[in-house]
Amino acid sequence: MNALNAVLASTGRRAGQARRWFSGVMGADKYQRYREFHAAHGQPGEAPMTEREFWRDWQDYQEKNPQGRCC
């Protein structure tokens, strides 16, 4: 049973790493990275954008500055 627990733990760690990697590749972690950046470098007293505001701003930026992307 101990070996089975080790295998399951290893598989769980790998799945978590794969999920974090995939989120990074797809850009799903952009808001979290923005919040971390804002906490470290934002102006005191300035509230960060909500997630909805962030994605709206990101989409507006993408529309104004088209770069090589598939769609």
PDB file of N, CA and C in Angstrom:
ATOM      1  N   MET A   1       0.819  -1.191   0.000  1.00  0.00           N
ATOM      2  CA  MET A   1       0.000   0.000   0.000  1.00  0.00           C
ATOM      3  C   MET A   1       0.863   1.257   0.000  1.00  0.00           C
ATOM      4  N   ASN A   2       2.012   1.201   0.626  1.00  0.00           N
ATOM      5  CA  ASN A   2       2.910   2.346   0.683  1.00  0.00           C
ATOM      6  C   ASN A   2       3.400   2.727  -0.713  1.00  0.00           C
ATOM      7  N   ALA A   3       3.706   1.716  -1.534  1.00  0.00           N
ATOM      8  CA  ALA A   3       4.158   1.980  -2.906  1.00  0.00           C
ATOM      9  C   ALA A   3       3.040   2.634  -3.718  1.00  0.00           C
ATOM     10  N   LEU A   4       1.818   2.185  -3.501  1.00  0.00           N
ATOM     11  CA  LEU A   4       0.675   2.764  -4.212  1.00  0.00           C
ATOM     12  C   LEU A   4       0.502   4.235  -3.834  1.00  0.00           C
ATOM     13  N   ASN A   5       0.632   4.549  -2.565  1.00  0.00           N
ATOM     14  CA  ASN A   5       0.531   5.946  -2.125  1.00  0.00           C
ATOM     15  C   ASN A   5       1.618   6.803  -2.762  1.00  0.00           C
ATOM     16  N   ALA A   6       2.826   6.264  -2.866  1.00  0.00           N
ATOM     17  CA  ALA A   6       3.925   7.007  -3.486  1.00  0.00           C
ATOM     18  C   ALA A   6       3.635   7.273  -4.958  1.00  0.00           C
ATOM     19  N   VAL A   7       3.102   6.270  -5.643  1.00  0.00           N
ATOM     20  CA  VAL A   7       2.769   6.430  -7.066  1.00  0.00           C
ATOM     21  C   VAL A   7       1.664   7.470  -7.234  1.00  0.00           C
ATOM     22  N   LEU A   8       0.646   7.388  -6.388  1.00  0.00           N
ATOM     23  CA  LEU A   8      -0.455   8.353  -6.480  1.00  0.00           C
ATOM     24  C   LEU A   8       0.015   9.772  -6.172  1.00  0.00           C
ATOM     25  N   ALA A   9       0.877   9.916  -5.185  1.00  0.00           N
ATOM     26  CA  ALA A   9       1.404  11.240  -4.849  1.00  0.00           C
ATOM     27  C   ALA A   9       2.232  11.799  -5.996  1.00  0.00           C
ATOM     28  N   SER A  10       3.056  10.959  -6.594  1.00  0.00           N
ATOM     29  CA  SER A  10       3.884  11.389  -7.720  1.00  0.00           C
ATOM     30  C   SER A  10       3.012  11.788  -8.908  1.00  0.00           C
ATOM     31  N   THR A  11       1.996  10.993  -9.171  1.00  0.00           N
ATOM     32  CA  THR A  11       1.087  11.287 -10.275  1.00  0.00           C
ATOM     33  C   THR A  11       0.348  12.600 -10.024  1.00  0.00           C
ATOM     34  N   GLY A  12      -0.067  12.823  -8.792  1.00  0.00           N
ATOM     35  CA  GLY A  12      -0.753  14.070  -8.447  1.00  0.00           C
ATOM     36  C   GLY A  12       0.140  15.283  -8.635  1.00  0.00           C
ATOM     37  N   ARG A  13       1.408  15.160  -8.230  1.00  0.00           N
ATOM     38  CA  ARG A  13       2.348  16.274  -8.416  1.00  0.00           C
ATOM     39  C   ARG A  13       2.543  16.561  -9.895  1.00  0.00           C
ATOM     40  N   ARG A  14       2.712  15.518 -10.672  1.00  0.00           N
ATOM     41  CA  ARG A  14       2.915  15.709 -12.116  1.00  0.00           C
ATOM     42  C   ARG A  14       1.685  16.328 -12.766  1.00  0.00           C
ATOM     43  N   ALA A  15       0.513  15.896 -12.349  1.00  0.00           N
ATOM     44  CA  ALA A  15      -0.718  16.467 -12.903  1.00  0.00           C
ATOM     45  C   ALA A  15      -0.819  17.951 -12.552  1.00  0.00           C
ATOM     46  N   GLY A  16      -0.456  18.311 -11.337  1.00  0.00           N
ATOM     47  CA  GLY A  16      -0.475  19.718 -10.931  1.00  0.00           C
ATOM     48  C   GLY A  16       0.512  20.547 -11.729  1.00  0.00           C
ATOM     49  N   GLN A  17       1.698  19.994 -11.948  1.00  0.00           N
ATOM     50  CA  GLN A  17       2.703  20.699 -12.745  1.00  0.00           C
ATOM     51  C   GLN A  17       2.219  20.875 -14.177  1.00  0.00           C
ATOM     52  N   ALA A  18       1.603  19.833 -14.728  1.00  0.00           N
ATOM     53  CA  ALA A  18       1.093  19.911 -16.100  1.00  0.00           C
ATOM     54  C   ALA A  18      -0.020  20.954 -16.201  1.00  0.00           C
ATOM     55  N   ARG A  19      -0.884  20.992 -15.194  1.00  0.00           N
ATOM     56  CA  ARG A  19      -1.971  21.971 -15.197  1.00  0.00           C
ATOM     57  C   ARG A  19      -1.421  23.390 -15.134  1.00  0.00           C
ATOM     58  N   ARG A  20      -0.435  23.640 -14.281  1.00  0.00           N
ATOM     59  CA  ARG A  20       0.163  24.976 -14.187  1.00  0.00           C
ATOM     60  C   ARG A  20       0.861  25.350 -15.491  1.00  0.00           C
ATOM     61  N   TRP A  21       1.557  24.395 -16.100  1.00  0.00           N
ATOM     62  CA  TRP A  21       2.237  24.659 -17.369  1.00  0.00           C
ATOM     63  C   TRP A  21       1.213  25.006 -18.444  1.00  0.00           C
ATOM     64  N   PHE A  22       0.157  24.209 -18.553  1.00  0.00           N
ATOM     65  CA  PHE A  22      -0.862  24.425 -19.570  1.00  0.00           C
ATOM     66  C   PHE A  22      -1.554  25.770 -19.360  1.00  0.00           C
ATOM     67  N   SER A  23      -1.844  26.118 -18.105  1.00  0.00           N
ATOM     68  CA  SER A  23      -2.463  27.418 -17.820  1.00  0.00           C
ATOM     69  C   SER A  23      -1.554  28.553 -18.261  1.00  0.00           C
ATOM     70  N   GLY A  24      -0.251  28.399 -18.037  1.00  0.00           N
ATOM     71  CA  GLY A  24       0.705  29.419 -18.461  1.00  0.00           C
ATOM     72  C   GLY A  24       0.773  29.547 -19.965  1.00  0.00           C
ATOM     73  N   VAL A  25       0.771  28.419 -20.648  1.00  0.00           N
ATOM     74  CA  VAL A  25       0.838  28.435 -22.113  1.00  0.00           C
ATOM     75  C   VAL A  25      -0.421  29.073 -22.698  1.00  0.00           C
ATOM     76  N   MET A  26      -1.561  28.757 -22.129  1.00  0.00           N
ATOM     77  CA  MET A  26      -2.822  29.276 -22.650  1.00  0.00           C
ATOM     78  C   MET A  26      -3.120  30.699 -22.175  1.00  0.00           C
ATOM     79  N   GLY A  27      -2.365  31.191 -21.206  1.00  0.00           N
ATOM     80  CA  GLY A  27      -2.578  32.545 -20.716  1.00  0.00           C
ATOM     81  C   GLY A  27      -3.630  32.656 -19.628  1.00  0.00           C
ATOM     82  N   ALA A  28      -4.089  31.532 -19.124  1.00  0.00           N
ATOM     83  CA  ALA A  28      -5.129  31.552 -18.099  1.00  0.00           C
ATOM     84  C   ALA A  28      -4.633  32.120 -16.776  1.00  0.00           C
ATOM     85  N   ASP A  29      -3.329  32.178 -16.593  1.00  0.00           N
ATOM     86  CA  ASP A  29      -2.785  32.685 -15.332  1.00  0.00           C
ATOM     87  C   ASP A  29      -2.436  34.173 -15.403  1.00  0.00           C
ATOM     88  N   LYS A  30      -2.817  34.851 -16.467  1.00  0.00           N
ATOM     89  CA  LYS A  30      -2.469  36.267 -16.637  1.00  0.00           C
ATOM     90  C   LYS A  30      -3.016  37.134 -15.502  1.00  0.00           C
ATOM     91  N   TYR A  31      -4.259  36.902 -15.110  1.00  0.00           N
ATOM     92  CA  TYR A  31      -4.835  37.733 -14.054  1.00  0.00           C
ATOM     93  C   TYR A  31      -4.100  37.513 -12.730  1.00  0.00           C
ATOM     94  N   GLN A  32      -3.781  36.273 -12.419  1.00  0.00           N
ATOM     95  CA  GLN A  32      -3.044  35.993 -11.185  1.00  0.00           C
ATOM     96  C   GLN A  32      -1.677  36.672 -11.213  1.00  0.00           C
ATOM     97  N   ARG A  33      -0.997  36.611 -12.346  1.00  0.00           N
ATOM     98  CA  ARG A  33       0.307  37.271 -12.470  1.00  0.00           C
ATOM     99  C   ARG A  33       0.160  38.788 -12.358  1.00  0.00           C
ATOM    100  N   TYR A  34      -0.919  39.342 -12.929  1.00  0.00           N
ATOM    101  CA  TYR A  34      -1.188  40.778 -12.799  1.00  0.00           C
ATOM    102  C   TYR A  34      -1.372  41.157 -11.328  1.00  0.00           C
ATOM    103  N   ARG A  35      -2.155  40.368 -10.588  1.00  0.00           N
ATOM    104  CA  ARG A  35      -2.378  40.660  -9.169  1.00  0.00           C
ATOM    105  C   ARG A  35      -1.071  40.617  -8.387  1.00  0.00           C
ATOM    106  N   GLU A  36      -0.224  39.629  -8.682  1.00  0.00           N
ATOM    107  CA  GLU A  36       1.070  39.536  -8.001  1.00  0.00           C
ATOM    108  C   GLU A  36       1.941  40.747  -8.334  1.00  0.00           C
ATOM    109  N   PHE A  37       1.947  41.149  -9.605  1.00  0.00           N
ATOM    110  CA  PHE A  37       2.726  42.317 -10.015  1.00  0.00           C
ATOM    111  C   PHE A  37       2.187  43.578  -9.340  1.00  0.00           C
ATOM    112  N   HIS A  38       0.868  43.735  -9.340  1.00  0.00           N
ATOM    113  CA  HIS A  38       0.259  44.919  -8.738  1.00  0.00           C
ATOM    114  C   HIS A  38       0.571  44.987  -7.247  1.00  0.00           C
ATOM    115  N   ALA A  39       0.537  43.855  -6.568  1.00  0.00           N
ATOM    116  CA  ALA A  39       0.842  43.836  -5.132  1.00  0.00           C
ATOM    117  C   ALA A  39       2.280  44.271  -4.877  1.00  0.00           C
ATOM    118  N   ALA A  40       3.182  43.893  -5.777  1.00  0.00           N
ATOM    119  CA  ALA A  40       4.599  44.218  -5.590  1.00  0.00           C
ATOM    120  C   ALA A  40       4.952  45.625  -6.063  1.00  0.00           C
ATOM    121  N   HIS A  41       4.279  46.109  -7.118  1.00  0.00           N
ATOM    122  CA  HIS A  41       4.700  47.360  -7.747  1.00  0.00           C
ATOM    123  C   HIS A  41       3.606  48.415  -7.865  1.00  0.00           C
ATOM    124  N   GLY A  42       2.383  48.112  -7.442  1.00  0.00           N
ATOM    125  CA  GLY A  42       1.277  49.051  -7.607  1.00  0.00           C
ATOM    126  C   GLY A  42       1.408  50.268  -6.709  1.00  0.00           C
ATOM    127  N   GLN A  43       0.660  51.286  -7.035  1.00  0.00           N
ATOM    128  CA  GLN A  43       0.650  52.510  -6.237  1.00  0.00           C
ATOM    129  C   GLN A  43      -0.106  52.256  -4.933  1.00  0.00           C
ATOM    130  N   PRO A  44       0.402  52.765  -3.823  1.00  0.00           N
ATOM    131  CA  PRO A  44      -0.318  52.598  -2.549  1.00  0.00           C
ATOM    132  C   PRO A  44      -1.709  53.223  -2.632  1.00  0.00           C
ATOM    133  N   GLY A  45      -2.695  52.517  -2.153  1.00  0.00           N
ATOM    134  CA  GLY A  45      -4.062  53.021  -2.166  1.00  0.00           C
ATOM    135  C   GLY A  45      -4.792  52.804  -3.473  1.00  0.00           C
ATOM    136  N   GLU A  46      -4.109  52.334  -4.486  1.00  0.00           N
ATOM    137  CA  GLU A  46      -4.742  52.089  -5.784  1.00  0.00           C
ATOM    138  C   GLU A  46      -5.202  50.637  -5.837  1.00  0.00           C
ATOM    139  N   ALA A  47      -6.491  50.448  -6.007  1.00  0.00           N
ATOM    140  CA  ALA A  47      -7.040  49.095  -6.050  1.00  0.00           C
ATOM    141  C   ALA A  47      -6.731  48.446  -7.399  1.00  0.00           C
ATOM    142  N   PRO A  48      -6.421  47.163  -7.407  1.00  0.00           N
ATOM    143  CA  PRO A  48      -6.195  46.483  -8.688  1.00  0.00           C
ATOM    144  C   PRO A  48      -7.518  46.323  -9.440  1.00  0.00           C
ATOM    145  N   MET A  49      -7.424  46.128 -10.733  1.00  0.00           N
ATOM    146  CA  MET A  49      -8.621  45.894 -11.531  1.00  0.00           C
ATOM    147  C   MET A  49      -9.275  44.589 -11.090  1.00  0.00           C
ATOM    148  N   THR A  50     -10.583  44.535 -11.239  1.00  0.00           N
ATOM    149  CA  THR A  50     -11.266  43.270 -11.009  1.00  0.00           C
ATOM    150  C   THR A  50     -10.887  42.330 -12.145  1.00  0.00           C
ATOM    151  N   GLU A  51     -11.204  41.058 -11.992  1.00  0.00           N
ATOM    152  CA  GLU A  51     -10.859  40.113 -13.053  1.00  0.00           C
ATOM    153  C   GLU A  51     -11.582  40.469 -14.348  1.00  0.00           C
ATOM    154  N   ARG A  52     -12.821  40.880 -14.238  1.00  0.00           N
ATOM    155  CA  ARG A  52     -13.584  41.275 -15.429  1.00  0.00           C
ATOM    156  C   ARG A  52     -12.948  42.484 -16.110  1.00  0.00           C
ATOM    157  N   GLU A  53     -12.584  43.492 -15.317  1.00  0.00           N
ATOM    158  CA  GLU A  53     -11.931  44.683 -15.872  1.00  0.00           C
ATOM    159  C   GLU A  53     -10.601  44.321 -16.519  1.00  0.00           C
ATOM    160  N   PHE A  54      -9.861  43.426 -15.872  1.00  0.00           N
ATOM    161  CA  PHE A  54      -8.568  43.017 -16.416  1.00  0.00           C
ATOM    162  C   PHE A  54      -8.729  42.384 -17.792  1.00  0.00           C
ATOM    163  N   TRP A  55      -9.656  41.427 -17.907  1.00  0.00           N
ATOM    164  CA  TRP A  55      -9.811  40.739 -19.192  1.00  0.00           C
ATOM    165  C   TRP A  55     -10.357  41.679 -20.261  1.00  0.00           C
ATOM    166  N   ARG A  56     -11.220  42.621 -19.882  1.00  0.00           N
ATOM    167  CA  ARG A  56     -11.718  43.612 -20.846  1.00  0.00           C
ATOM    168  C   ARG A  56     -10.558  44.474 -21.337  1.00  0.00           C
ATOM    169  N   ASP A  57      -9.708  44.933 -20.421  1.00  0.00           N
ATOM    170  CA  ASP A  57      -8.540  45.734 -20.775  1.00  0.00           C
ATOM    171  C   ASP A  57      -7.592  44.934 -21.662  1.00  0.00           C
ATOM    172  N   TRP A  58      -7.387  43.680 -21.324  1.00  0.00           N
ATOM    173  CA  TRP A  58      -6.496  42.814 -22.110  1.00  0.00           C
ATOM    174  C   TRP A  58      -7.041  42.642 -23.528  1.00  0.00           C
ATOM    175  N   GLN A  59      -8.342  42.409 -23.631  1.00  0.00           N
ATOM    176  CA  GLN A  59      -8.961  42.227 -24.944  1.00  0.00           C
ATOM    177  C   GLN A  59      -8.879  43.513 -25.758  1.00  0.00           C
ATOM    178  N   ASP A  60      -9.116  44.651 -25.143  1.00  0.00           N
ATOM    179  CA  ASP A  60      -8.997  45.938 -25.840  1.00  0.00           C
ATOM    180  C   ASP A  60      -7.575  46.149 -26.344  1.00  0.00           C
ATOM    181  N   TYR A  61      -6.598  45.812 -25.510  1.00  0.00           N
ATOM    182  CA  TYR A  61      -5.197  45.938 -25.917  1.00  0.00           C
ATOM    183  C   TYR A  61      -4.906  45.041 -27.121  1.00  0.00           C
ATOM    184  N   GLN A  62      -5.399  43.810 -27.085  1.00  0.00           N
ATOM    185  CA  GLN A  62      -5.167  42.881 -28.188  1.00  0.00           C
ATOM    186  C   GLN A  62      -5.798  43.390 -29.485  1.00  0.00           C
ATOM    187  N   GLU A  63      -6.973  43.999 -29.377  1.00  0.00           N
ATOM    188  CA  GLU A  63      -7.637  44.526 -30.567  1.00  0.00           C
ATOM    189  C   GLU A  63      -6.886  45.719 -31.148  1.00  0.00           C
ATOM    190  N   LYS A  64      -6.327  46.563 -30.295  1.00  0.00           N
ATOM    191  CA  LYS A  64      -5.605  47.748 -30.755  1.00  0.00           C
ATOM    192  C   LYS A  64      -4.198  47.424 -31.236  1.00  0.00           C
ATOM    193  N   ASN A  65      -3.632  46.343 -30.754  1.00  0.00           N
ATOM    194  CA  ASN A  65      -2.256  45.965 -31.086  1.00  0.00           C
ATOM    195  C   ASN A  65      -2.207  44.525 -31.577  1.00  0.00           C
ATOM    196  N   PRO A  66      -2.731  44.262 -32.777  1.00  0.00           N
ATOM    197  CA  PRO A  66      -2.739  42.876 -33.255  1.00  0.00           C
ATOM    198  C   PRO A  66      -1.314  42.363 -33.461  1.00  0.00           C
ATOM    199  N   GLN A  67      -1.092  41.174 -32.990  1.00  0.00           N
ATOM    200  CA  GLN A  67       0.199  40.515 -33.150  1.00  0.00           C
ATOM    201  C   GLN A  67      -0.059  39.154 -33.766  1.00  0.00           C
ATOM    202  N   GLY A  68       1.010  38.487 -34.126  1.00  0.00           N
ATOM    203  CA  GLY A  68       0.854  37.167 -34.720  1.00  0.00           C
ATOM    204  C   GLY A  68       0.164  36.209 -33.773  1.00  0.00           C
ATOM    205  N   ARG A  69      -1.045  35.832 -34.104  1.00  0.00           N
ATOM    206  CA  ARG A  69      -1.775  34.831 -33.335  1.00  0.00           C
ATOM    207  C   ARG A  69      -2.694  34.103 -34.291  1.00  0.00           C
ATOM    208  N   CYS A  70      -3.157  32.980 -33.890  1.00  0.00           N
ATOM    209  CA  CYS A  70      -3.883  32.115 -34.814  1.00  0.00           C
ATOM    210  C   CYS A  70      -5.259  32.655 -35.194  1.00  0.00           C
ATOM    211  N   CYS A  71      -5.941  33.375 -34.296  1.00  0.00           N
ATOM    212  CA  CYS A  71      -7.327  33.740 -34.578  1.00  0.00           C
ATOM    213  C   CYS A  71      -7.573  35.226 -34.448  1.00  0.00           C
TER     214      CYS A  71
END
